[in-house]
């Protein structure tokens, strides 16, 4: 296969007399299969409106200029001291989430020590914030001293933190 050819997924779905075949990218096939299922099971269509998933493409678009991919992996381009402890922790965990999905790192979790190093936070404060966020469902403890961001944590970060990061401060508005 040369570099101009994309891998295509092919799925065949049959339910009773209804049958469909979907070919294309993973996203195209998934949309087709979900559409087929929603025709067969109308309640699935209703329930699917309640499903919360991370749209990685939109997340990358939203984080452009905030996270960058380098040869060494993903890096945050925003100084941690411009963010609260919770915001800095979640940004690092989102960076790790994306690094894992882009095969730039082997795991989607961060150790407490790595979080402290990356955020330049105080150990007690970082541990306390992680505990609070785990209680709120924003992060999950994925093993002894290992944490990962949840889907809710990513959504909340995008809804509450990104607008603050991306909007110019009052001082910048006065200058410009």
Protein backbone atom coordinates (compact mmCIF):
# COMPACT_ATOMS: atom_id res chain seq x y z
CA UNK A 1 0.00 0.00 0.00
CA UNK A 2 1.48 3.36 -0.96
CA UNK A 3 1.24 6.48 1.17
CA UNK A 4 -1.64 7.94 -0.87
CA UNK A 5 -3.88 4.94 -0.10
CA UNK A 6 -5.80 5.09 3.15
CA UNK A 7 -6.78 2.00 5.08
CA UNK A 8 -10.49 1.36 4.71
CA UNK A 9 -12.70 -0.50 7.14
CA UNK A 10 -15.51 -2.68 5.86
CA UNK A 11 -18.37 -3.82 8.06
CA UNK A 12 -21.46 -5.81 7.17
CA UNK A 13 -24.50 -5.57 9.48
CA UNK A 14 -27.63 -7.72 9.29
CA UNK A 15 -30.77 -7.65 11.44
CA UNK A 16 -33.69 -9.76 10.28
CA UNK A 17 -34.36 -8.85 6.65
CA UNK A 18 -32.35 -5.62 6.86
CA UNK A 19 -28.74 -5.75 5.78
CA UNK A 20 -26.16 -3.05 5.11
CA UNK A 21 -22.49 -2.87 4.23
CA UNK A 22 -20.34 0.09 5.22
CA UNK A 23 -16.89 0.86 3.79
CA UNK A 24 -14.70 3.85 4.56
CA UNK A 25 -12.70 5.39 7.35
CA UNK A 26 -13.37 4.24 10.89
CA UNK A 27 -15.47 7.37 11.55
CA UNK A 28 -17.50 6.94 8.34
CA UNK A 29 -18.22 3.27 9.07
CA UNK A 30 -19.07 3.99 12.71
CA UNK A 31 -21.55 6.69 11.66
CA UNK A 32 -23.11 4.29 9.15
CA UNK A 33 -23.43 1.48 11.68
CA UNK A 34 -24.91 3.81 14.30
CA UNK A 35 -27.39 5.12 11.71
CA UNK A 36 -28.38 1.53 10.83
CA UNK A 37 -28.84 0.61 14.48
CA UNK A 38 -30.89 3.73 15.17
CA UNK A 39 -33.28 2.71 12.37
CA UNK A 40 -33.59 -0.78 13.82
CA UNK A 41 -33.77 0.34 17.45
CA UNK A 42 -35.37 3.80 17.66
CA UNK A 43 -34.76 3.88 21.39
CA UNK A 44 -31.04 3.56 20.68
CA UNK A 45 -31.27 6.86 18.82
CA UNK A 46 -32.82 8.48 21.88
CA UNK A 47 -30.26 6.97 24.24
CA UNK A 48 -27.36 7.92 21.97
CA UNK A 49 -28.20 11.57 22.58
CA UNK A 50 -27.14 11.05 26.19
CA UNK A 51 -23.75 9.52 25.34
CA UNK A 52 -20.75 11.70 26.11
CA UNK A 53 -17.64 10.96 24.07
CA UNK A 54 -14.46 12.85 23.32
CA UNK A 55 -14.31 14.18 19.77
CA UNK A 56 -10.52 13.97 19.43
CA UNK A 57 -10.48 16.01 16.22
CA UNK A 58 -12.38 18.88 17.88
CA UNK A 59 -10.23 18.58 21.01
CA UNK A 60 -7.07 18.95 18.93
CA UNK A 61 -8.59 21.92 17.13
CA UNK A 62 -9.54 23.52 20.46
CA UNK A 63 -6.06 22.96 21.90
CA UNK A 64 -4.17 24.35 18.92
CA UNK A 65 -1.59 26.78 20.28
CA UNK A 66 -1.94 25.33 23.78
CA UNK A 67 -0.50 21.86 23.22
CA UNK A 68 2.10 21.05 20.56
CA UNK A 69 3.51 17.80 19.21
CA UNK A 70 7.30 17.64 19.16
CA UNK A 71 9.75 14.85 18.38
CA UNK A 72 9.93 14.22 22.13
CA UNK A 73 6.16 14.02 22.55
CA UNK A 74 3.41 16.46 23.43
CA UNK A 75 4.22 19.65 25.29
CA UNK A 76 2.12 22.39 26.83
CA UNK A 77 2.91 25.85 25.49
CA UNK A 78 1.22 27.64 28.39
CA UNK A 79 3.23 28.26 31.55
CA UNK A 80 1.68 26.27 34.41
CA UNK A 81 1.78 29.31 36.69
CA UNK A 82 -0.90 30.98 34.55
CA UNK A 83 -3.33 28.22 35.51
CA UNK A 84 -4.82 27.13 38.82
CA UNK A 85 -3.60 23.81 40.24
CA UNK A 86 -6.70 22.01 38.97
CA UNK A 87 -6.45 23.57 35.51
CA UNK A 88 -2.74 22.78 35.18
CA UNK A 89 -3.27 19.18 36.31
CA UNK A 90 -6.09 18.63 33.84
CA UNK A 91 -4.11 20.20 31.00
CA UNK A 92 -1.24 17.79 31.71
CA UNK A 93 -3.62 14.83 31.86
CA UNK A 94 -5.26 15.89 28.57
CA UNK A 95 -1.81 16.20 27.02
CA UNK A 96 -1.10 12.65 28.19
CA UNK A 97 -4.48 11.45 26.88
CA UNK A 98 -3.66 12.84 23.42
CA UNK A 99 -0.06 11.61 23.53
CA UNK A 100 -1.33 8.09 24.10
CA UNK A 101 -3.87 8.35 21.27
CA UNK A 102 -1.23 9.67 18.88
CA UNK A 103 1.16 6.85 19.90
CA UNK A 104 3.65 9.36 21.32
CA UNK A 105 3.64 7.61 24.70
CA UNK A 106 2.95 4.14 26.02
CA UNK A 107 0.26 4.89 28.59
CA UNK A 108 -2.63 7.28 29.09
CA UNK A 109 -1.95 7.77 32.78
CA UNK A 110 0.46 10.00 34.67
CA UNK A 111 2.12 9.25 37.96
CA UNK A 112 1.65 11.64 40.85
CA UNK A 113 5.36 12.46 40.64
CA UNK A 114 5.14 13.32 36.94
CA UNK A 115 2.09 15.51 37.54
CA UNK A 116 3.95 17.37 40.29
CA UNK A 117 6.98 17.83 38.03
CA UNK A 118 4.98 18.96 34.99
CA UNK A 119 2.76 21.38 36.92
CA UNK A 120 5.53 22.56 39.25
CA UNK A 121 2.99 22.17 42.04
CA UNK A 122 3.54 21.36 45.68
CA UNK A 123 3.10 17.64 46.40
CA UNK A 124 0.40 18.12 49.05
CA UNK A 125 -1.55 20.59 46.92
CA UNK A 126 -1.40 18.39 43.80
CA UNK A 127 -2.46 15.30 45.75
CA UNK A 128 -5.33 17.26 47.30
CA UNK A 129 -6.53 18.63 43.96
CA UNK A 130 -6.37 15.15 42.39
CA UNK A 131 -8.46 13.78 45.24
CA UNK A 132 -11.04 16.56 44.81
CA UNK A 133 -11.19 16.07 41.05
CA UNK A 134 -11.50 12.29 41.43
CA UNK A 135 -14.43 12.89 43.78
CA UNK A 136 -16.06 15.06 41.11
CA UNK A 137 -15.45 12.50 38.34
CA UNK A 138 -12.98 14.71 36.45
CA UNK A 139 -10.04 12.34 36.88
CA UNK A 140 -9.75 8.73 37.91
CA UNK A 141 -7.09 6.96 39.90
CA UNK A 142 -6.02 4.24 37.48
CA UNK A 143 -3.61 2.42 39.74
CA UNK A 144 -1.28 3.09 42.62
CA UNK A 145 -0.23 6.70 42.18
CA UNK A 146 -1.46 6.79 38.54
CA UNK A 147 -4.16 9.13 37.25
CA UNK A 148 -5.97 9.76 33.99
CA UNK A 149 -8.46 12.33 32.80
CA UNK A 150 -12.07 11.24 32.31
CA UNK A 151 -14.39 12.17 29.45
CA UNK A 152 -16.22 14.46 31.88
CA UNK A 153 -12.89 16.01 32.89
CA UNK A 154 -12.04 16.78 29.26
CA UNK A 155 -15.51 18.22 28.58
CA UNK A 156 -15.43 20.37 31.71
CA UNK A 157 -11.92 21.63 30.84
CA UNK A 158 -13.04 22.55 27.32
CA UNK A 159 -16.20 24.25 28.59
CA UNK A 160 -14.74 26.16 31.54
CA UNK A 161 -10.97 26.52 31.20
CA UNK A 162 -10.33 26.87 27.46
CA UNK A 163 -12.51 29.97 27.10
CA UNK A 164 -10.44 31.67 29.82
CA UNK A 165 -7.15 30.63 28.21
CA UNK A 166 -8.19 31.67 24.71
CA UNK A 167 -9.86 34.99 25.53
CA UNK A 168 -7.52 37.96 25.82
CA UNK A 169 -7.20 39.50 29.26
CA UNK A 170 -8.61 42.97 30.01
CA UNK A 171 -5.08 44.43 29.91
CA UNK A 172 -4.45 43.00 26.42
CA UNK A 173 -7.77 44.44 25.22
CA UNK A 174 -6.78 47.93 26.44
CA UNK A 175 -3.40 47.80 24.66
CA UNK A 176 -4.79 46.49 21.35
